[in-house]
C-alpha atoms as a PDB file:
ATOM      1  CA  UNK A   1     -35.995-100.958  -7.911  1.00  0.00           C
ATOM      2  CA  UNK A   2     -35.869 -99.519  -4.402  1.00  0.00           C
ATOM      3  CA  UNK A   3     -32.305 -98.432  -5.052  1.00  0.00           C
ATOM      4  CA  UNK A   4     -33.434 -96.491  -8.153  1.00  0.00           C
ATOM      5  CA  UNK A   5     -36.086 -94.641  -6.113  1.00  0.00           C
ATOM      6  CA  UNK A   6     -33.526 -93.873  -3.428  1.00  0.00           C
ATOM      7  CA  UNK A   7     -31.081 -92.464  -5.976  1.00  0.00           C
ATOM      8  CA  UNK A   8     -33.788 -90.277  -7.555  1.00  0.00           C
ATOM      9  CA  UNK A   9     -34.845 -89.028  -4.104  1.00  0.00           C
ATOM     10  CA  UNK A  10     -31.247 -88.157  -3.153  1.00  0.00           C
ATOM     11  CA  UNK A  11     -30.702 -86.317  -6.451  1.00  0.00           C
ATOM     12  CA  UNK A  12     -33.931 -84.341  -6.075  1.00  0.00           C
ATOM     13  CA  UNK A  13     -33.201 -83.530  -2.447  1.00  0.00           C
ATOM     14  CA  UNK A  14     -29.648 -82.391  -3.180  1.00  0.00           C
ATOM     15  CA  UNK A  15     -30.947 -80.149  -6.001  1.00  0.00           C
ATOM     16  CA  UNK A  16     -33.524 -78.639  -3.657  1.00  0.00           C
ATOM     17  CA  UNK A  17     -30.879 -78.048  -0.983  1.00  0.00           C
ATOM     18  CA  UNK A  18     -28.525 -76.462  -3.522  1.00  0.00           C
ATOM     19  CA  UNK A  19     -31.228 -74.045  -4.669  1.00  0.00           C
ATOM     20  CA  UNK A  20     -31.975 -73.221  -1.039  1.00  0.00           C
ATOM     21  CA  UNK A  21     -28.293 -72.394  -0.417  1.00  0.00           C
ATOM     22  CA  UNK A  22     -28.126 -70.150  -3.495  1.00  0.00           C
ATOM     23  CA  UNK A  23     -31.402 -68.424  -2.604  1.00  0.00           C
ATOM     24  CA  UNK A  24     -30.224 -67.821   0.955  1.00  0.00           C
ATOM     25  CA  UNK A  25     -26.921 -66.337  -0.242  1.00  0.00           C
ATOM     26  CA  UNK A  26     -28.699 -64.088  -2.739  1.00  0.00           C
ATOM     27  CA  UNK A  27     -31.308 -62.829  -0.265  1.00  0.00           C
ATOM     28  CA  UNK A  28     -28.805 -62.199   2.520  1.00  0.00           C
ATOM     29  CA  UNK A  29     -26.165 -60.527   0.386  1.00  0.00           C
ATOM     30  CA  UNK A  30     -28.557 -58.384  -1.637  1.00  0.00           C
ATOM     31  CA  UNK A  31     -30.226 -57.197   1.576  1.00  0.00           C
ATOM     32  CA  UNK A  32     -26.857 -56.172   3.013  1.00  0.00           C
ATOM     33  CA  UNK A  33     -25.825 -54.496  -0.242  1.00  0.00           C
ATOM     34  CA  UNK A  34     -29.044 -52.498  -0.412  1.00  0.00           C
ATOM     35  CA  UNK A  35     -28.403 -51.077   3.058  1.00  0.00           C
ATOM     36  CA  UNK A  36     -25.133 -49.458   1.960  1.00  0.00           C
ATOM     37  CA  UNK A  37     -25.652 -45.806   0.922  1.00  0.00           C
ATOM     38  CA  UNK A  38     -25.682 -45.485  -2.867  1.00  0.00           C
ATOM     39  CA  UNK A  39     -27.102 -43.261  -5.596  1.00  0.00           C
ATOM     40  CA  UNK A  40     -29.838 -45.868  -6.159  1.00  0.00           C
ATOM     41  CA  UNK A  41     -32.889 -45.983  -3.868  1.00  0.00           C
ATOM     42  CA  UNK A  42     -32.714 -48.922  -1.404  1.00  0.00           C
ATOM     43  CA  UNK A  43     -35.785 -50.862  -2.577  1.00  0.00           C
ATOM     44  CA  UNK A  44     -34.848 -50.465  -6.242  1.00  0.00           C
ATOM     45  CA  UNK A  45     -31.302 -51.612  -5.505  1.00  0.00           C
ATOM     46  CA  UNK A  46     -32.599 -54.669  -3.642  1.00  0.00           C
ATOM     47  CA  UNK A  47     -35.016 -55.594  -6.434  1.00  0.00           C
ATOM     48  CA  UNK A  48     -32.374 -55.269  -9.179  1.00  0.00           C
ATOM     49  CA  UNK A  49     -29.861 -57.262  -7.133  1.00  0.00           C
ATOM     50  CA  UNK A  50     -32.171 -60.180  -6.320  1.00  0.00           C
ATOM     51  CA  UNK A  51     -33.788 -60.328  -9.763  1.00  0.00           C
ATOM     52  CA  UNK A  52     -30.514 -60.193 -11.695  1.00  0.00           C
ATOM     53  CA  UNK A  53     -28.920 -62.967  -9.654  1.00  0.00           C
ATOM     54  CA  UNK A  54     -31.980 -65.241  -9.557  1.00  0.00           C
ATOM     55  CA  UNK A  55     -32.593 -64.928 -13.301  1.00  0.00           C
ATOM     56  CA  UNK A  56     -29.117 -66.150 -14.190  1.00  0.00           C
ATOM     57  CA  UNK A  57     -29.213 -69.942 -14.742  1.00  0.00           C
ATOM     58  CA  UNK A  58     -25.666 -70.209 -13.362  1.00  0.00           C
ATOM     59  CA  UNK A  59     -27.079 -69.304  -9.946  1.00  0.00           C
ATOM     60  CA  UNK A  60     -28.280 -72.904  -9.611  1.00  0.00           C
ATOM     61  CA  UNK A  61     -24.622 -73.916  -9.230  1.00  0.00           C
ATOM     62  CA  UNK A  62     -23.875 -71.336  -6.502  1.00  0.00           C
ATOM     63  CA  UNK A  63     -22.636 -72.958  -3.286  1.00  0.00           C
ATOM     64  CA  UNK A  64     -20.682 -70.113  -1.669  1.00  0.00           C
ATOM     65  CA  UNK A  65     -19.878 -66.431  -1.937  1.00  0.00           C
ATOM     66  CA  UNK A  66     -17.108 -66.926  -4.481  1.00  0.00           C
ATOM     67  CA  UNK A  67     -19.583 -68.654  -6.809  1.00  0.00           C
ATOM     68  CA  UNK A  68     -22.008 -65.779  -6.231  1.00  0.00           C
ATOM     69  CA  UNK A  69     -19.284 -63.217  -7.025  1.00  0.00           C
ATOM     70  CA  UNK A  70     -18.536 -65.032 -10.299  1.00  0.00           C
ATOM     71  CA  UNK A  71     -22.232 -65.015 -11.279  1.00  0.00           C
ATOM     72  CA  UNK A  72     -22.491 -61.322 -10.346  1.00  0.00           C
ATOM     73  CA  UNK A  73     -19.373 -60.507 -12.370  1.00  0.00           C
ATOM     74  CA  UNK A  74     -20.718 -62.355 -15.403  1.00  0.00           C
ATOM     75  CA  UNK A  75     -24.000 -60.433 -15.039  1.00  0.00           C
ATOM     76  CA  UNK A  76     -22.093 -57.146 -14.884  1.00  0.00           C
ATOM     77  CA  UNK A  77     -20.053 -58.042 -17.989  1.00  0.00           C
ATOM     78  CA  UNK A  78     -23.239 -58.848 -19.880  1.00  0.00           C
ATOM     79  CA  UNK A  79     -24.870 -55.591 -18.769  1.00  0.00           C
ATOM     80  CA  UNK A  80     -21.859 -53.415 -19.570  1.00  0.00           C
ATOM     81  CA  UNK A  81     -21.658 -54.991 -23.038  1.00  0.00           C
ATOM     82  CA  UNK A  82     -25.339 -54.256 -23.593  1.00  0.00           C
ATOM     83  CA  UNK A  83     -24.971 -50.697 -22.292  1.00  0.00           C
ATOM     84  CA  UNK A  84     -22.136 -50.040 -24.724  1.00  0.00           C
ATOM     85  CA  UNK A  85     -24.393 -51.179 -27.595  1.00  0.00           C
ATOM     86  CA  UNK A  86     -27.208 -48.912 -26.371  1.00  0.00           C
ATOM     87  CA  UNK A  87     -24.950 -45.842 -26.143  1.00  0.00           C
ATOM     88  CA  UNK A  88     -23.379 -46.492 -29.558  1.00  0.00           C
ATOM     89  CA  UNK A  89     -26.847 -46.810 -31.104  1.00  0.00           C
ATOM     90  CA  UNK A  90     -28.042 -43.683 -29.259  1.00  0.00           C
ATOM     91  CA  UNK A  91     -25.103 -41.699 -30.683  1.00  0.00           C
ATOM     92  CA  UNK A  92     -25.404 -43.198 -34.190  1.00  0.00           C
ATOM     93  CA  UNK A  93     -29.124 -42.356 -34.356  1.00  0.00           C
ATOM     94  CA  UNK A  94     -28.366 -38.814 -33.096  1.00  0.00           C
ATOM     95  CA  UNK A  95     -30.958 -39.084 -30.326  1.00  0.00           C
ATOM     96  CA  UNK A  96     -29.073 -36.650 -28.084  1.00  0.00           C
ATOM     97  CA  UNK A  97     -30.180 -33.025 -27.673  1.00  0.00           C
ATOM     98  CA  UNK A  98     -26.812 -31.285 -28.043  1.00  0.00           C
ATOM     99  CA  UNK A  99     -23.184 -31.713 -29.010  1.00  0.00           C
ATOM    100  CA  UNK A 100     -22.246 -31.482 -25.333  1.00  0.00           C
ATOM    101  CA  UNK A 101     -24.423 -34.510 -24.512  1.00  0.00           C
ATOM    102  CA  UNK A 102     -22.903 -36.390 -27.454  1.00  0.00           C
ATOM    103  CA  UNK A 103     -19.377 -35.737 -26.158  1.00  0.00           C
ATOM    104  CA  UNK A 104     -20.356 -36.879 -22.659  1.00  0.00           C
ATOM    105  CA  UNK A 105     -21.869 -40.067 -24.064  1.00  0.00           C
ATOM    106  CA  UNK A 106     -18.664 -40.715 -26.021  1.00  0.00           C
ATOM    107  CA  UNK A 107     -16.652 -40.301 -22.834  1.00  0.00           C
ATOM    108  CA  UNK A 108     -19.070 -42.689 -21.115  1.00  0.00           C
ATOM    109  CA  UNK A 109     -18.347 -45.242 -23.840  1.00  0.00           C
ATOM    110  CA  UNK A 110     -14.682 -45.061 -22.841  1.00  0.00           C
ATOM    111  CA  UNK A 111     -15.611 -45.508 -19.185  1.00  0.00           C
ATOM    112  CA  UNK A 112     -17.758 -48.522 -20.079  1.00  0.00           C
ATOM    113  CA  UNK A 113     -14.918 -50.031 -22.103  1.00  0.00           C
ATOM    114  CA  UNK A 114     -12.569 -49.590 -19.149  1.00  0.00           C
ATOM    115  CA  UNK A 115     -15.183 -51.064 -16.825  1.00  0.00           C
ATOM    116  CA  UNK A 116     -15.516 -54.082 -19.126  1.00  0.00           C
ATOM    117  CA  UNK A 117     -11.750 -54.605 -19.044  1.00  0.00           C
ATOM    118  CA  UNK A 118     -11.641 -54.340 -15.227  1.00  0.00           C
ATOM    119  CA  UNK A 119     -14.510 -56.827 -14.926  1.00  0.00           C
ATOM    120  CA  UNK A 120     -12.879 -59.365 -17.243  1.00  0.00           C
ATOM    121  CA  UNK A 121      -9.604 -58.992 -15.362  1.00  0.00           C
ATOM    122  CA  UNK A 122     -11.399 -59.506 -12.047  1.00  0.00           C
ATOM    123  CA  UNK A 123     -13.150 -62.560 -13.451  1.00  0.00           C
ATOM    124  CA  UNK A 124      -9.804 -64.075 -14.498  1.00  0.00           C
ATOM    125  CA  UNK A 125      -8.522 -63.645 -10.938  1.00  0.00           C
ATOM    126  CA  UNK A 126     -11.695 -65.197  -9.531  1.00  0.00           C
ATOM    127  CA  UNK A 127     -11.263 -68.220 -11.790  1.00  0.00           C
ATOM    128  CA  UNK A 128      -7.709 -68.509 -10.480  1.00  0.00           C
ATOM    129  CA  UNK A 129      -9.160 -68.419  -6.930  1.00  0.00           C
ATOM    130  CA  UNK A 130      -7.360 -65.143  -6.210  1.00  0.00           C
ATOM    131  CA  UNK A 131     -10.109 -62.951  -4.754  1.00  0.00           C
ATOM    132  CA  UNK A 132      -7.566 -60.576  -3.189  1.00  0.00           C
ATOM    133  CA  UNK A 133      -6.496 -59.541  -6.706  1.00  0.00           C
ATOM    134  CA  UNK A 134     -10.030 -59.660  -8.133  1.00  0.00           C
ATOM    135  CA  UNK A 135     -11.603 -57.297  -5.598  1.00  0.00           C
ATOM    136  CA  UNK A 136      -9.688 -54.130  -6.589  1.00  0.00           C
ATOM    137  CA  UNK A 137     -10.415 -54.771 -10.265  1.00  0.00           C
ATOM    138  CA  UNK A 138     -14.122 -55.209  -9.535  1.00  0.00           C
ATOM    139  CA  UNK A 139     -14.007 -51.945  -7.574  1.00  0.00           C
ATOM    140  CA  UNK A 140     -12.391 -50.113 -10.482  1.00  0.00           C
ATOM    141  CA  UNK A 141     -15.111 -51.430 -12.805  1.00  0.00           C
ATOM    142  CA  UNK A 142     -17.752 -49.904 -10.539  1.00  0.00           C
ATOM    143  CA  UNK A 143     -15.831 -46.602 -10.368  1.00  0.00           C
ATOM    144  CA  UNK A 144     -15.829 -46.331 -14.169  1.00  0.00           C
ATOM    145  CA  UNK A 145     -19.637 -46.524 -14.150  1.00  0.00           C
ATOM    146  CA  UNK A 146     -19.774 -43.890 -11.389  1.00  0.00           C
ATOM    147  CA  UNK A 147     -17.441 -41.654 -13.439  1.00  0.00           C
ATOM    148  CA  UNK A 148     -19.887 -41.780 -16.352  1.00  0.00           C
ATOM    149  CA  UNK A 149     -22.771 -40.749 -14.111  1.00  0.00           C
ATOM    150  CA  UNK A 150     -20.748 -37.840 -12.730  1.00  0.00           C
ATOM    151  CA  UNK A 151     -20.238 -36.454 -16.239  1.00  0.00           C
ATOM    152  CA  UNK A 152     -23.792 -35.126 -16.059  1.00  0.00           C
ATOM    153  CA  UNK A 153     -24.170 -32.216 -13.657  1.00  0.00           C
ATOM    154  CA  UNK A 154     -27.189 -31.785 -11.380  1.00  0.00           C
ATOM    155  CA  UNK A 155     -30.142 -30.587 -13.387  1.00  0.00           C
ATOM    156  CA  UNK A 156     -28.503 -31.613 -16.668  1.00  0.00           C
ATOM    157  CA  UNK A 157     -30.479 -34.160 -18.689  1.00  0.00           C
ATOM    158  CA  UNK A 158     -28.761 -37.549 -18.719  1.00  0.00           C
ATOM    159  CA  UNK A 159     -30.622 -39.530 -21.406  1.00  0.00           C
ATOM    160  CA  UNK A 160     -29.445 -42.862 -19.970  1.00  0.00           C
ATOM    161  CA  UNK A 161     -29.661 -42.155 -16.235  1.00  0.00           C
ATOM    162  CA  UNK A 162     -31.861 -45.166 -15.361  1.00  0.00           C
ATOM    163  CA  UNK A 163     -29.727 -47.547 -17.404  1.00  0.00           C
ATOM    164  CA  UNK A 164     -26.571 -46.218 -15.742  1.00  0.00           C
ATOM    165  CA  UNK A 165     -28.136 -46.732 -12.295  1.00  0.00           C
ATOM    166  CA  UNK A 166     -28.864 -50.372 -13.148  1.00  0.00           C
ATOM    167  CA  UNK A 167     -25.289 -50.729 -14.363  1.00  0.00           C
ATOM    168  CA  UNK A 168     -24.066 -49.222 -11.095  1.00  0.00           C
ATOM    169  CA  UNK A 169     -25.978 -51.888  -9.146  1.00  0.00           C
ATOM    170  CA  UNK A 170     -24.720 -54.653 -11.443  1.00  0.00           C
ATOM    171  CA  UNK A 171     -21.067 -53.649 -11.021  1.00  0.00           C
ATOM    172  CA  UNK A 172     -21.499 -53.015  -7.303  1.00  0.00           C
ATOM    173  CA  UNK A 173     -22.836 -56.538  -6.586  1.00  0.00           C
ATOM    174  CA  UNK A 174     -19.638 -58.549  -7.208  1.00  0.00           C
ATOM    175  CA  UNK A 175     -17.387 -55.849  -5.770  1.00  0.00           C
ATOM    176  CA  UNK A 176     -19.132 -55.414  -2.437  1.00  0.00           C
ATOM    177  CA  UNK A 177     -19.839 -59.140  -1.959  1.00  0.00           C
ATOM    178  CA  UNK A 178     -16.140 -59.743  -2.549  1.00  0.00           C
ATOM    179  CA  UNK A 179     -15.283 -57.063   0.007  1.00  0.00           C
ATOM    180  CA  UNK A 180     -17.703 -58.585   2.553  1.00  0.00           C
ATOM    181  CA  UNK A 181     -16.448 -62.150   1.989  1.00  0.00           C
ATOM    182  CA  UNK A 182     -13.485 -61.503   4.291  1.00  0.00           C
ATOM    183  CA  UNK A 183     -15.653 -60.614   7.248  1.00  0.00           C
ATOM    184  CA  UNK A 184     -17.892 -63.672   7.418  1.00  0.00           C
ATOM    185  CA  UNK A 185     -18.321 -67.272   6.420  1.00  0.00           C
ATOM    186  CA  UNK A 186     -20.315 -68.149   3.338  1.00  0.00           C
ATOM    187  CA  UNK A 187     -22.469 -70.981   4.666  1.00  0.00           C
ATOM    188  CA  UNK A 188     -26.260 -70.740   4.704  1.00  0.00           C
ATOM    189  CA  UNK A 189     -26.450 -70.470   8.495  1.00  0.00           C
ATOM    190  CA  UNK A 190     -24.080 -67.543   8.959  1.00  0.00           C
ATOM    191  CA  UNK A 191     -25.593 -64.151   9.661  1.00  0.00           C
END
């Protein structure tokens, strides 16, 4: 009977420790990401980053930065897929103000498709434990989202600006964490 209690205690303790490791990695990496200049305000970037990673159930399995990059990439794939649906629906329902906006949204759909393909390619490399090949693909995915945002000139109404900013954060998370993984260890006590 004592052995059963001991086993339950060890399992509970290891689960608690695992969640603590994941939480530490998320907090530390999202904080660092939010400090990098971007088109998204720092506090908003930080909130999106932390929330998106913590809400994913796969985060419970995160033990190191590579695991975190995989979770972030899966989040980005899910978000880019959703964004493509939103833009298609927006165009189909003719909710745009002009033909010029429609054409820009159609071009954005192409950028989102390319971003999706870069993300899935990067994810394949991550699963093969080849981060050096994954990182450039993750970077290209982010650049496709940036290219969509640049289609809309200053002062021009972008009907999906907020959604595109969230997508920028989502694609930036795995890319930048992958870039930073070379410069530090991934344990919970590193700074």
